[in-house]
Amino acid sequence: MLTINVAILLAVIVILRLRRRTEARSRLDEKFTVIIVLALGVLIAPTPVGQGIISALGQLASGITQSAR
């Protein structure tokens, strides 16, 4: 039986949509892409990978803040 992880499916859809040229996108198309990316974020956030991404982004943000002082 074939099972598809929804987060992986959404990641593939996002990559395919972002590869298209910017000029070819309508407002509705851009809004749809944003909704898909938000759904992907909600699915990834509670996972260990999502927690690692949040931690890395937090360290990056604190490093930028400290270097600006």
N, C-alpha and C. Protein backbone atom coordinates (compact mmCIF):
# COMPACT_ATOMS: atom_id res chain seq x y z
N MET A 1 0.84 -1.17 0.00
CA MET A 1 0.00 0.00 0.00
C MET A 1 0.90 1.25 0.00
N LEU A 2 0.56 2.21 -0.80
CA LEU A 2 1.33 3.44 -0.94
C LEU A 2 0.76 4.51 -0.02
N THR A 3 1.60 5.06 0.85
CA THR A 3 1.16 6.16 1.69
C THR A 3 1.99 7.39 1.34
N ILE A 4 1.33 8.54 1.32
CA ILE A 4 2.00 9.79 0.99
C ILE A 4 1.92 10.70 2.20
N ASN A 5 3.06 11.17 2.65
CA ASN A 5 3.10 12.13 3.74
C ASN A 5 2.60 13.48 3.20
N VAL A 6 1.60 14.06 3.84
CA VAL A 6 1.00 15.30 3.37
C VAL A 6 2.02 16.43 3.35
N ALA A 7 2.90 16.49 4.31
CA ALA A 7 3.91 17.55 4.35
C ALA A 7 4.85 17.44 3.15
N ILE A 8 5.24 16.24 2.80
CA ILE A 8 6.12 16.05 1.64
C ILE A 8 5.40 16.42 0.36
N LEU A 9 4.14 16.03 0.25
CA LEU A 9 3.35 16.39 -0.92
C LEU A 9 3.23 17.91 -1.06
N LEU A 10 2.95 18.60 0.04
CA LEU A 10 2.85 20.06 0.00
C LEU A 10 4.20 20.70 -0.34
N ALA A 11 5.29 20.15 0.18
CA ALA A 11 6.61 20.68 -0.15
C ALA A 11 6.90 20.56 -1.64
N VAL A 12 6.53 19.44 -2.23
CA VAL A 12 6.73 19.26 -3.68
C VAL A 12 5.87 20.26 -4.45
N ILE A 13 4.64 20.46 -4.03
CA ILE A 13 3.75 21.42 -4.70
C ILE A 13 4.33 22.82 -4.61
N VAL A 14 4.83 23.21 -3.44
CA VAL A 14 5.42 24.54 -3.26
C VAL A 14 6.62 24.72 -4.18
N ILE A 15 7.49 23.72 -4.24
CA ILE A 15 8.68 23.82 -5.09
C ILE A 15 8.27 23.97 -6.56
N LEU A 16 7.30 23.19 -6.98
CA LEU A 16 6.85 23.29 -8.38
C LEU A 16 6.22 24.64 -8.67
N ARG A 17 5.46 25.16 -7.73
CA ARG A 17 4.80 26.46 -7.95
C ARG A 17 5.81 27.60 -7.94
N LEU A 18 6.83 27.51 -7.11
CA LEU A 18 7.81 28.60 -7.03
C LEU A 18 8.79 28.58 -8.20
N ARG A 19 8.87 27.50 -8.92
CA ARG A 19 9.75 27.44 -10.08
C ARG A 19 9.20 28.21 -11.27
N ARG A 20 7.90 28.49 -11.25
CA ARG A 20 7.29 29.22 -12.36
C ARG A 20 7.75 30.67 -12.37
N ARG A 21 7.70 31.29 -13.52
CA ARG A 21 8.11 32.69 -13.64
C ARG A 21 7.13 33.59 -12.88
N THR A 22 7.66 34.64 -12.28
CA THR A 22 6.86 35.56 -11.49
C THR A 22 5.82 36.27 -12.34
N GLU A 23 6.18 36.63 -13.56
CA GLU A 23 5.27 37.38 -14.42
C GLU A 23 4.03 36.57 -14.79
N ALA A 24 4.12 35.25 -14.74
CA ALA A 24 3.01 34.40 -15.15
C ALA A 24 2.00 34.16 -14.04
N ARG A 25 2.22 34.73 -12.86
CA ARG A 25 1.34 34.45 -11.73
C ARG A 25 0.27 35.53 -11.58
N SER A 26 -0.94 35.09 -11.29
CA SER A 26 -2.02 36.02 -10.99
C SER A 26 -2.07 36.22 -9.47
N ARG A 27 -2.88 37.18 -9.04
CA ARG A 27 -3.03 37.41 -7.59
C ARG A 27 -3.61 36.18 -6.91
N LEU A 28 -4.58 35.56 -7.54
CA LEU A 28 -5.19 34.36 -6.96
C LEU A 28 -4.16 33.25 -6.84
N ASP A 29 -3.30 33.12 -7.84
CA ASP A 29 -2.25 32.12 -7.82
C ASP A 29 -1.27 32.38 -6.67
N GLU A 30 -0.91 33.64 -6.46
CA GLU A 30 0.00 33.99 -5.36
C GLU A 30 -0.65 33.72 -4.01
N LYS A 31 -1.93 34.04 -3.86
CA LYS A 31 -2.64 33.78 -2.60
C LYS A 31 -2.70 32.28 -2.32
N PHE A 32 -2.95 31.50 -3.36
CA PHE A 32 -3.01 30.05 -3.20
C PHE A 32 -1.66 29.50 -2.75
N THR A 33 -0.58 30.03 -3.32
CA THR A 33 0.76 29.60 -2.92
C THR A 33 1.02 29.93 -1.45
N VAL A 34 0.60 31.12 -1.01
CA VAL A 34 0.78 31.50 0.39
C VAL A 34 0.00 30.56 1.31
N ILE A 35 -1.21 30.21 0.94
CA ILE A 35 -2.02 29.30 1.76
C ILE A 35 -1.35 27.93 1.85
N ILE A 36 -0.81 27.45 0.73
CA ILE A 36 -0.13 26.15 0.75
C ILE A 36 1.11 26.20 1.64
N VAL A 37 1.88 27.28 1.55
CA VAL A 37 3.08 27.41 2.38
C VAL A 37 2.72 27.48 3.86
N LEU A 38 1.65 28.20 4.20
CA LEU A 38 1.21 28.26 5.60
C LEU A 38 0.78 26.88 6.10
N ALA A 39 0.05 26.14 5.27
CA ALA A 39 -0.36 24.78 5.66
C ALA A 39 0.86 23.89 5.86
N LEU A 40 1.86 24.03 4.99
CA LEU A 40 3.09 23.26 5.15
C LEU A 40 3.78 23.61 6.46
N GLY A 41 3.83 24.89 6.79
CA GLY A 41 4.43 25.32 8.05
C GLY A 41 3.72 24.74 9.26
N VAL A 42 2.40 24.71 9.21
CA VAL A 42 1.62 24.14 10.32
C VAL A 42 1.89 22.65 10.47
N LEU A 43 2.07 21.96 9.36
CA LEU A 43 2.34 20.52 9.43
C LEU A 43 3.76 20.22 9.90
N ILE A 44 4.72 21.08 9.55
CA ILE A 44 6.12 20.82 9.89
C ILE A 44 6.45 21.29 11.31
N ALA A 45 5.81 22.34 11.80
CA ALA A 45 6.18 22.97 13.07
C ALA A 45 6.28 22.00 14.26
N PRO A 46 5.34 21.10 14.49
CA PRO A 46 5.45 20.24 15.68
C PRO A 46 6.43 19.08 15.54
N THR A 47 7.01 18.87 14.38
CA THR A 47 7.92 17.75 14.17
C THR A 47 9.32 18.12 14.65
N PRO A 48 10.18 17.12 14.85
CA PRO A 48 11.58 17.42 15.23
C PRO A 48 12.30 18.29 14.19
N VAL A 49 11.99 18.08 12.92
CA VAL A 49 12.60 18.91 11.86
C VAL A 49 12.15 20.36 12.03
N GLY A 50 10.87 20.55 12.27
CA GLY A 50 10.34 21.90 12.48
C GLY A 50 10.95 22.57 13.69
N GLN A 51 11.13 21.82 14.76
CA GLN A 51 11.74 22.39 15.97
C GLN A 51 13.19 22.77 15.71
N GLY A 52 13.89 21.96 14.92
CA GLY A 52 15.27 22.29 14.56
C GLY A 52 15.35 23.55 13.72
N ILE A 53 14.41 23.71 12.78
CA ILE A 53 14.36 24.92 11.96
C ILE A 53 14.10 26.14 12.82
N ILE A 54 13.15 26.03 13.75
CA ILE A 54 12.83 27.15 14.64
C ILE A 54 14.04 27.51 15.49
N SER A 55 14.73 26.50 16.00
CA SER A 55 15.92 26.75 16.81
C SER A 55 17.01 27.44 16.00
N ALA A 56 17.25 26.96 14.78
CA ALA A 56 18.28 27.56 13.92
C ALA A 56 17.93 29.00 13.57
N LEU A 57 16.68 29.25 13.26
CA LEU A 57 16.26 30.62 12.94
C LEU A 57 16.37 31.54 14.16
N GLY A 58 16.07 31.00 15.34
CA GLY A 58 16.23 31.79 16.56
C GLY A 58 17.67 32.16 16.82
N GLN A 59 18.58 31.21 16.62
CA GLN A 59 20.01 31.48 16.80
C GLN A 59 20.50 32.50 15.77
N LEU A 60 20.03 32.38 14.54
CA LEU A 60 20.41 33.32 13.50
C LEU A 60 19.92 34.73 13.84
N ALA A 61 18.67 34.83 14.29
CA ALA A 61 18.11 36.13 14.64
C ALA A 61 18.86 36.76 15.81
N SER A 62 19.20 35.95 16.82
CA SER A 62 19.92 36.50 17.97
C SER A 62 21.33 36.93 17.56
N GLY A 63 21.96 36.17 16.65
CA GLY A 63 23.28 36.55 16.16
C GLY A 63 23.24 37.87 15.39
N ILE A 64 22.21 38.04 14.58
CA ILE A 64 22.07 39.30 13.82
C ILE A 64 21.81 40.46 14.78
N THR A 65 20.97 40.23 15.79
CA THR A 65 20.66 41.28 16.75
C THR A 65 21.90 41.69 17.52
N GLN A 66 22.71 40.72 17.94
CA GLN A 66 23.93 41.03 18.71
C GLN A 66 24.98 41.72 17.85
N SER A 67 25.06 41.38 16.57
CA SER A 67 26.05 42.00 15.71
C SER A 67 25.65 43.43 15.34
N ALA A 68 24.37 43.76 15.46
CA ALA A 68 23.90 45.11 15.13
C ALA A 68 24.19 46.09 16.28
N ARG A 69 24.50 45.59 17.45
CA ARG A 69 24.72 46.47 18.61
C ARG A 69 26.05 47.09 18.59
